[in-house]
């Protein structure tokens, strides 16, 4: 980030939100990437800024252990 001063006006350049402020991309998948079952509305998993819907909390645990096995590149 740079601060540019000109007279009484200051301009901040290159200010972007940090990772916690960025919006995740919702993948809107209709089936669980782990089991292929219908998703529910409460279980999700975020991987590389993409939010995937899951069918259960157990799938969330499975996915967190090896996301590359179940998620597309």
PDB file of N, CA and C in Angstrom:
ATOM      1  N   UNK A   1       0.846  -1.173   0.000  1.00  0.00           N
ATOM      2  CA  UNK A   1       0.000   0.000   0.000  1.00  0.00           C
ATOM      3  C   UNK A   1       0.886   1.228   0.000  1.00  0.00           C
ATOM      4  N   UNK A   2       0.496   2.240  -0.743  1.00  0.00           N
ATOM      5  CA  UNK A   2       1.256   3.487  -0.806  1.00  0.00           C
ATOM      6  C   UNK A   2       0.347   4.638  -0.410  1.00  0.00           C
ATOM      7  N   UNK A   3       0.923   5.578   0.254  1.00  0.00           N
ATOM      8  CA  UNK A   3       0.200   6.787   0.639  1.00  0.00           C
ATOM      9  C   UNK A   3       0.796   7.936  -0.155  1.00  0.00           C
ATOM     10  N   UNK A   4      -0.021   8.584  -0.946  1.00  0.00           N
ATOM     11  CA  UNK A   4       0.446   9.689  -1.790  1.00  0.00           C
ATOM     12  C   UNK A   4      -0.151  10.973  -1.241  1.00  0.00           C
ATOM     13  N   UNK A   5       0.710  11.899  -0.897  1.00  0.00           N
ATOM     14  CA  UNK A   5       0.266  13.176  -0.350  1.00  0.00           C
ATOM     15  C   UNK A   5       0.408  14.259  -1.401  1.00  0.00           C
ATOM     16  N   UNK A   6      -0.611  15.035  -1.553  1.00  0.00           N
ATOM     17  CA  UNK A   6      -0.562  16.151  -2.500  1.00  0.00           C
ATOM     18  C   UNK A   6      -1.355  17.303  -1.935  1.00  0.00           C
ATOM     19  N   UNK A   7      -0.687  18.291  -1.410  1.00  0.00           N
ATOM     20  CA  UNK A   7      -1.389  19.401  -0.770  1.00  0.00           C
ATOM     21  C   UNK A   7      -2.083  18.887   0.476  1.00  0.00           C
ATOM     22  N   UNK A   8      -3.376  19.082   0.540  1.00  0.00           N
ATOM     23  CA  UNK A   8      -4.127  18.614   1.702  1.00  0.00           C
ATOM     24  C   UNK A   8      -4.882  17.316   1.409  1.00  0.00           C
ATOM     25  N   UNK A   9      -4.624  16.727   0.242  1.00  0.00           N
ATOM     26  CA  UNK A   9      -5.336  15.530  -0.171  1.00  0.00           C
ATOM     27  C   UNK A   9      -4.418  14.317  -0.073  1.00  0.00           C
ATOM     28  N   UNK A  10      -4.880  13.266   0.580  1.00  0.00           N
ATOM     29  CA  UNK A  10      -4.109  12.027   0.670  1.00  0.00           C
ATOM     30  C   UNK A  10      -4.849  10.952  -0.109  1.00  0.00           C
ATOM     31  N   UNK A  11      -4.123  10.185  -0.854  1.00  0.00           N
ATOM     32  CA  UNK A  11      -4.701   9.116  -1.666  1.00  0.00           C
ATOM     33  C   UNK A  11      -4.010   7.813  -1.309  1.00  0.00           C
ATOM     34  N   UNK A  12      -4.779   6.809  -0.977  1.00  0.00           N
ATOM     35  CA  UNK A  12      -4.216   5.508  -0.664  1.00  0.00           C
ATOM     36  C   UNK A  12      -4.338   4.638  -1.909  1.00  0.00           C
ATOM     37  N   UNK A  13      -3.223   4.107  -2.355  1.00  0.00           N
ATOM     38  CA  UNK A  13      -3.155   3.314  -3.576  1.00  0.00           C
ATOM     39  C   UNK A  13      -2.845   1.873  -3.223  1.00  0.00           C
ATOM     40  N   UNK A  14      -3.499   0.946  -3.904  1.00  0.00           N
ATOM     41  CA  UNK A  14      -3.192  -0.464  -3.722  1.00  0.00           C
ATOM     42  C   UNK A  14      -3.802  -1.070  -2.475  1.00  0.00           C
ATOM     43  N   UNK A  15      -4.830  -0.493  -1.973  1.00  0.00           N
ATOM     44  CA  UNK A  15      -5.486  -1.019  -0.784  1.00  0.00           C
ATOM     45  C   UNK A  15      -6.510  -2.060  -1.211  1.00  0.00           C
ATOM     46  N   UNK A  16      -6.286  -3.302  -0.822  1.00  0.00           N
ATOM     47  CA  UNK A  16      -7.231  -4.355  -1.157  1.00  0.00           C
ATOM     48  C   UNK A  16      -7.612  -5.098   0.116  1.00  0.00           C
ATOM     49  N   UNK A  17      -8.803  -5.692   0.155  1.00  0.00           N
ATOM     50  CA  UNK A  17      -9.229  -6.396   1.356  1.00  0.00           C
ATOM     51  C   UNK A  17      -8.328  -7.597   1.633  1.00  0.00           C
ATOM     52  N   UNK A  18      -8.127  -7.886   2.923  1.00  0.00           N
ATOM     53  CA  UNK A  18      -7.341  -9.072   3.246  1.00  0.00           C
ATOM     54  C   UNK A  18      -8.201 -10.317   3.044  1.00  0.00           C
ATOM     55  N   UNK A  19      -7.600 -11.490   3.192  1.00  0.00           N
ATOM     56  CA  UNK A  19      -8.302 -12.742   2.891  1.00  0.00           C
ATOM     57  C   UNK A  19      -9.598 -12.904   3.680  1.00  0.00           C
ATOM     58  N   UNK A  20      -9.621 -12.469   4.924  1.00  0.00           N
ATOM     59  CA  UNK A  20     -10.819 -12.655   5.737  1.00  0.00           C
ATOM     60  C   UNK A  20     -11.963 -11.752   5.288  1.00  0.00           C
ATOM     61  N   UNK A  21     -11.665 -10.683   4.538  1.00  0.00           N
ATOM     62  CA  UNK A  21     -12.695  -9.766   4.070  1.00  0.00           C
ATOM     63  C   UNK A  21     -13.204 -10.122   2.676  1.00  0.00           C
ATOM     64  N   UNK A  22     -12.529 -10.987   1.967  1.00  0.00           N
ATOM     65  CA  UNK A  22     -12.927 -11.342   0.607  1.00  0.00           C
ATOM     66  C   UNK A  22     -14.128 -12.271   0.624  1.00  0.00           C
ATOM     67  N   UNK A  23     -14.944 -12.148  -0.404  1.00  0.00           N
ATOM     68  CA  UNK A  23     -16.093 -13.033  -0.571  1.00  0.00           C
ATOM     69  C   UNK A  23     -15.635 -14.347  -1.180  1.00  0.00           C
ATOM     70  N   UNK A  24     -16.129 -15.447  -0.663  1.00  0.00           N
ATOM     71  CA  UNK A  24     -15.853 -16.741  -1.268  1.00  0.00           C
ATOM     72  C   UNK A  24     -16.783 -16.958  -2.446  1.00  0.00           C
ATOM     73  N   UNK A  25     -16.319 -17.694  -3.418  1.00  0.00           N
ATOM     74  CA  UNK A  25     -17.136 -18.029  -4.575  1.00  0.00           C
ATOM     75  C   UNK A  25     -17.992 -19.232  -4.206  1.00  0.00           C
ATOM     76  N   UNK A  26     -19.301 -19.091  -4.292  1.00  0.00           N
ATOM     77  CA  UNK A  26     -20.201 -20.205  -4.006  1.00  0.00           C
ATOM     78  C   UNK A  26     -20.312 -21.064  -5.252  1.00  0.00           C
ATOM     79  N   UNK A  27     -19.969 -22.331  -5.104  1.00  0.00           N
ATOM     80  CA  UNK A  27     -19.934 -23.216  -6.256  1.00  0.00           C
ATOM     81  C   UNK A  27     -21.320 -23.710  -6.672  1.00  0.00           C
ATOM     82  N   UNK A  28     -22.300 -23.598  -5.797  1.00  0.00           N
ATOM     83  CA  UNK A  28     -23.679 -23.989  -6.097  1.00  0.00           C
ATOM     84  C   UNK A  28     -23.789 -25.425  -6.610  1.00  0.00           C
ATOM     85  N   UNK A  29     -22.955 -26.295  -6.069  1.00  0.00           N
ATOM     86  CA  UNK A  29     -23.038 -27.708  -6.447  1.00  0.00           C
ATOM     87  C   UNK A  29     -24.337 -28.312  -5.909  1.00  0.00           C
ATOM     88  N   UNK A  30     -24.914 -29.215  -6.640  1.00  0.00           N
ATOM     89  CA  UNK A  30     -26.192 -29.836  -6.258  1.00  0.00           C
ATOM     90  C   UNK A  30     -26.023 -31.177  -5.563  1.00  0.00           C
ATOM     91  N   UNK A  31     -24.838 -31.753  -5.669  1.00  0.00           N
ATOM     92  CA  UNK A  31     -24.548 -33.020  -4.986  1.00  0.00           C
ATOM     93  C   UNK A  31     -23.257 -32.881  -4.194  1.00  0.00           C
ATOM     94  N   UNK A  32     -23.134 -33.676  -3.167  1.00  0.00           N
ATOM     95  CA  UNK A  32     -21.954 -33.673  -2.308  1.00  0.00           C
ATOM     96  C   UNK A  32     -20.752 -34.201  -3.092  1.00  0.00           C
ATOM     97  N   UNK A  33     -19.624 -33.479  -3.093  1.00  0.00           N
ATOM     98  CA  UNK A  33     -18.460 -33.946  -3.830  1.00  0.00           C
ATOM     99  C   UNK A  33     -17.827 -35.210  -3.235  1.00  0.00           C
ATOM    100  N   UNK A  34     -18.149 -35.534  -1.998  1.00  0.00           N
ATOM    101  CA  UNK A  34     -17.581 -36.722  -1.355  1.00  0.00           C
ATOM    102  C   UNK A  34     -18.416 -37.955  -1.650  1.00  0.00           C
ATOM    103  N   UNK A  35     -19.735 -37.870  -1.448  1.00  0.00           N
ATOM    104  CA  UNK A  35     -20.608 -39.049  -1.574  1.00  0.00           C
ATOM    105  C   UNK A  35     -21.472 -39.055  -2.827  1.00  0.00           C
ATOM    106  N   UNK A  36     -21.718 -37.881  -3.398  1.00  0.00           N
ATOM    107  CA  UNK A  36     -22.640 -37.791  -4.527  1.00  0.00           C
ATOM    108  C   UNK A  36     -24.087 -37.672  -4.081  1.00  0.00           C
ATOM    109  N   UNK A  37     -24.326 -37.616  -2.761  1.00  0.00           N
ATOM    110  CA  UNK A  37     -25.682 -37.485  -2.219  1.00  0.00           C
ATOM    111  C   UNK A  37     -26.176 -36.041  -2.342  1.00  0.00           C
ATOM    112  N   UNK A  38     -27.479 -35.853  -2.129  1.00  0.00           N
ATOM    113  CA  UNK A  38     -28.082 -34.525  -2.142  1.00  0.00           C
ATOM    114  C   UNK A  38     -27.493 -33.696  -1.001  1.00  0.00           C
ATOM    115  N   UNK A  39     -27.198 -32.429  -1.259  1.00  0.00           N
ATOM    116  CA  UNK A  39     -26.613 -31.539  -0.266  1.00  0.00           C
ATOM    117  C   UNK A  39     -27.672 -31.060   0.729  1.00  0.00           C
ATOM    118  N   UNK A  40     -27.204 -30.542   1.877  1.00  0.00           N
ATOM    119  CA  UNK A  40     -28.109 -29.894   2.816  1.00  0.00           C
ATOM    120  C   UNK A  40     -27.756 -28.415   2.888  1.00  0.00           C
ATOM    121  N   UNK A  41     -28.471 -27.653   3.671  1.00  0.00           N
ATOM    122  CA  UNK A  41     -28.263 -26.202   3.725  1.00  0.00           C
ATOM    123  C   UNK A  41     -27.294 -25.748   4.800  1.00  0.00           C
ATOM    124  N   UNK A  42     -26.774 -26.662   5.607  1.00  0.00           N
ATOM    125  CA  UNK A  42     -25.935 -26.212   6.720  1.00  0.00           C
ATOM    126  C   UNK A  42     -24.466 -26.594   6.612  1.00  0.00           C
ATOM    127  N   UNK A  43     -24.111 -27.628   5.885  1.00  0.00           N
ATOM    128  CA  UNK A  43     -22.728 -28.082   5.835  1.00  0.00           C
ATOM    129  C   UNK A  43     -22.038 -27.585   4.571  1.00  0.00           C
ATOM    130  N   UNK A  44     -20.976 -26.819   4.760  1.00  0.00           N
ATOM    131  CA  UNK A  44     -20.195 -26.300   3.637  1.00  0.00           C
ATOM    132  C   UNK A  44     -18.714 -26.454   3.946  1.00  0.00           C
ATOM    133  N   UNK A  45     -17.917 -26.375   2.898  1.00  0.00           N
ATOM    134  CA  UNK A  45     -16.463 -26.447   3.039  1.00  0.00           C
ATOM    135  C   UNK A  45     -15.849 -25.446   2.074  1.00  0.00           C
ATOM    136  N   UNK A  46     -14.929 -24.627   2.570  1.00  0.00           N
ATOM    137  CA  UNK A  46     -14.271 -23.629   1.743  1.00  0.00           C
ATOM    138  C   UNK A  46     -12.858 -24.105   1.434  1.00  0.00           C
ATOM    139  N   UNK A  47     -12.552 -24.137   0.143  1.00  0.00           N
ATOM    140  CA  UNK A  47     -11.237 -24.565  -0.316  1.00  0.00           C
ATOM    141  C   UNK A  47     -10.783 -23.628  -1.429  1.00  0.00           C
ATOM    142  N   UNK A  48      -9.640 -23.007  -1.225  1.00  0.00           N
ATOM    143  CA  UNK A  48      -9.071 -22.063  -2.189  1.00  0.00           C
ATOM    144  C   UNK A  48     -10.079 -21.013  -2.636  1.00  0.00           C
ATOM    145  N   UNK A  49     -10.820 -20.459  -1.671  1.00  0.00           N
ATOM    146  CA  UNK A  49     -11.763 -19.381  -1.949  1.00  0.00           C
ATOM    147  C   UNK A  49     -13.075 -19.810  -2.576  1.00  0.00           C
ATOM    148  N   UNK A  50     -13.296 -21.119  -2.682  1.00  0.00           N
ATOM    149  CA  UNK A  50     -14.542 -21.639  -3.254  1.00  0.00           C
ATOM    150  C   UNK A  50     -15.306 -22.384  -2.169  1.00  0.00           C
ATOM    151  N   UNK A  51     -16.602 -22.091  -2.065  1.00  0.00           N
ATOM    152  CA  UNK A  51     -17.441 -22.706  -1.045  1.00  0.00           C
ATOM    153  C   UNK A  51     -18.290 -23.814  -1.657  1.00  0.00           C
ATOM    154  N   UNK A  52     -18.082 -25.020  -1.166  1.00  0.00           N
ATOM    155  CA  UNK A  52     -18.810 -26.197  -1.643  1.00  0.00           C
ATOM    156  C   UNK A  52     -19.845 -26.620  -0.605  1.00  0.00           C
ATOM    157  N   UNK A  53     -21.019 -26.997  -1.066  1.00  0.00           N
ATOM    158  CA  UNK A  53     -22.073 -27.509  -0.189  1.00  0.00           C
ATOM    159  C   UNK A  53     -21.890 -29.016  -0.040  1.00  0.00           C
ATOM    160  N   UNK A  54     -22.195 -29.518   1.151  1.00  0.00           N
ATOM    161  CA  UNK A  54     -22.015 -30.938   1.459  1.00  0.00           C
ATOM    162  C   UNK A  54     -23.302 -31.547   1.985  1.00  0.00           C
ATOM    163  N   UNK A  55     -23.290 -32.880   2.145  1.00  0.00           N
ATOM    164  CA  UNK A  55     -24.483 -33.562   2.645  1.00  0.00           C
ATOM    165  C   UNK A  55     -24.436 -33.805   4.148  1.00  0.00           C
ATOM    166  N   UNK A  56     -23.248 -33.714   4.766  1.00  0.00           N
ATOM    167  CA  UNK A  56     -23.162 -33.979   6.208  1.00  0.00           C
ATOM    168  C   UNK A  56     -21.878 -33.412   6.796  1.00  0.00           C
ATOM    169  N   UNK A  57     -21.845 -33.352   8.107  1.00  0.00           N
ATOM    170  CA  UNK A  57     -20.657 -32.908   8.820  1.00  0.00           C
ATOM    171  C   UNK A  57     -19.522 -33.914   8.641  1.00  0.00           C
ATOM    172  N   UNK A  58     -19.858 -35.181   8.523  1.00  0.00           N
ATOM    173  CA  UNK A  58     -18.844 -36.220   8.319  1.00  0.00           C
ATOM    174  C   UNK A  58     -18.102 -35.985   6.992  1.00  0.00           C
ATOM    175  N   UNK A  59     -18.828 -35.578   5.965  1.00  0.00           N
ATOM    176  CA  UNK A  59     -18.195 -35.290   4.674  1.00  0.00           C
ATOM    177  C   UNK A  59     -17.283 -34.074   4.788  1.00  0.00           C
ATOM    178  N   UNK A  60     -17.637 -33.132   5.636  1.00  0.00           N
ATOM    179  CA  UNK A  60     -16.796 -31.962   5.864  1.00  0.00           C
ATOM    180  C   UNK A  60     -15.453 -32.403   6.436  1.00  0.00           C
ATOM    181  N   UNK A  61     -15.483 -33.314   7.361  1.00  0.00           N
ATOM    182  CA  UNK A  61     -14.261 -33.838   7.963  1.00  0.00           C
ATOM    183  C   UNK A  61     -13.437 -34.608   6.928  1.00  0.00           C
ATOM    184  N   UNK A  62     -14.102 -35.462   6.164  1.00  0.00           N
ATOM    185  CA  UNK A  62     -13.426 -36.241   5.120  1.00  0.00           C
ATOM    186  C   UNK A  62     -12.770 -35.324   4.101  1.00  0.00           C
ATOM    187  N   UNK A  63     -13.490 -34.308   3.674  1.00  0.00           N
ATOM    188  CA  UNK A  63     -12.987 -33.367   2.678  1.00  0.00           C
ATOM    189  C   UNK A  63     -11.799 -32.571   3.207  1.00  0.00           C
ATOM    190  N   UNK A  64     -11.856 -32.179   4.466  1.00  0.00           N
ATOM    191  CA  UNK A  64     -10.761 -31.394   5.040  1.00  0.00           C
ATOM    192  C   UNK A  64      -9.465 -32.199   5.131  1.00  0.00           C
ATOM    193  N   UNK A  65      -9.576 -33.513   5.219  1.00  0.00           N
ATOM    194  CA  UNK A  65      -8.394 -34.369   5.296  1.00  0.00           C
ATOM    195  C   UNK A  65      -7.698 -34.531   3.951  1.00  0.00           C
ATOM    196  N   UNK A  66      -8.460 -34.463   2.845  1.00  0.00           N
ATOM    197  CA  UNK A  66      -7.870 -34.647   1.521  1.00  0.00           C
ATOM    198  C   UNK A  66      -8.742 -33.987   0.447  1.00  0.00           C
ATOM    199  N   UNK A  67      -8.769 -32.646   0.403  1.00  0.00           N
ATOM    200  CA  UNK A  67      -9.654 -31.963  -0.548  1.00  0.00           C
ATOM    201  C   UNK A  67      -9.328 -32.242  -2.010  1.00  0.00           C
ATOM    202  N   UNK A  68      -8.062 -32.434  -2.345  1.00  0.00           N
ATOM    203  CA  UNK A  68      -7.684 -32.656  -3.743  1.00  0.00           C
ATOM    204  C   UNK A  68      -8.244 -33.950  -4.296  1.00  0.00           C
ATOM    205  N   UNK A  69      -8.547 -34.894  -3.421  1.00  0.00           N
ATOM    206  CA  UNK A  69      -9.117 -36.171  -3.855  1.00  0.00           C
ATOM    207  C   UNK A  69     -10.548 -35.995  -4.354  1.00  0.00           C
ATOM    208  N   UNK A  70     -11.278 -35.047  -3.795  1.00  0.00           N
ATOM    209  CA  UNK A  70     -12.719 -34.908  -4.083  1.00  0.00           C
ATOM    210  C   UNK A  70     -13.104 -33.680  -4.894  1.00  0.00           C
ATOM    211  N   UNK A  71     -12.245 -32.651  -4.909  1.00  0.00           N
ATOM    212  CA  UNK A  71     -12.598 -31.402  -5.578  1.00  0.00           C
ATOM    213  C   UNK A  71     -11.858 -31.223  -6.889  1.00  0.00           C
ATOM    214  N   UNK A  72     -12.515 -30.604  -7.864  1.00  0.00           N
ATOM    215  CA  UNK A  72     -11.865 -30.386  -9.166  1.00  0.00           C
ATOM    216  C   UNK A  72     -10.722 -29.388  -9.047  1.00  0.00           C
ATOM    217  N   UNK A  73      -9.781 -29.474  -9.957  1.00  0.00           N
ATOM    218  CA  UNK A  73      -8.642 -28.537  -9.984  1.00  0.00           C
ATOM    219  C   UNK A  73      -9.069 -27.192 -10.474  1.00  0.00           C
TER     220      UNK A  73
END
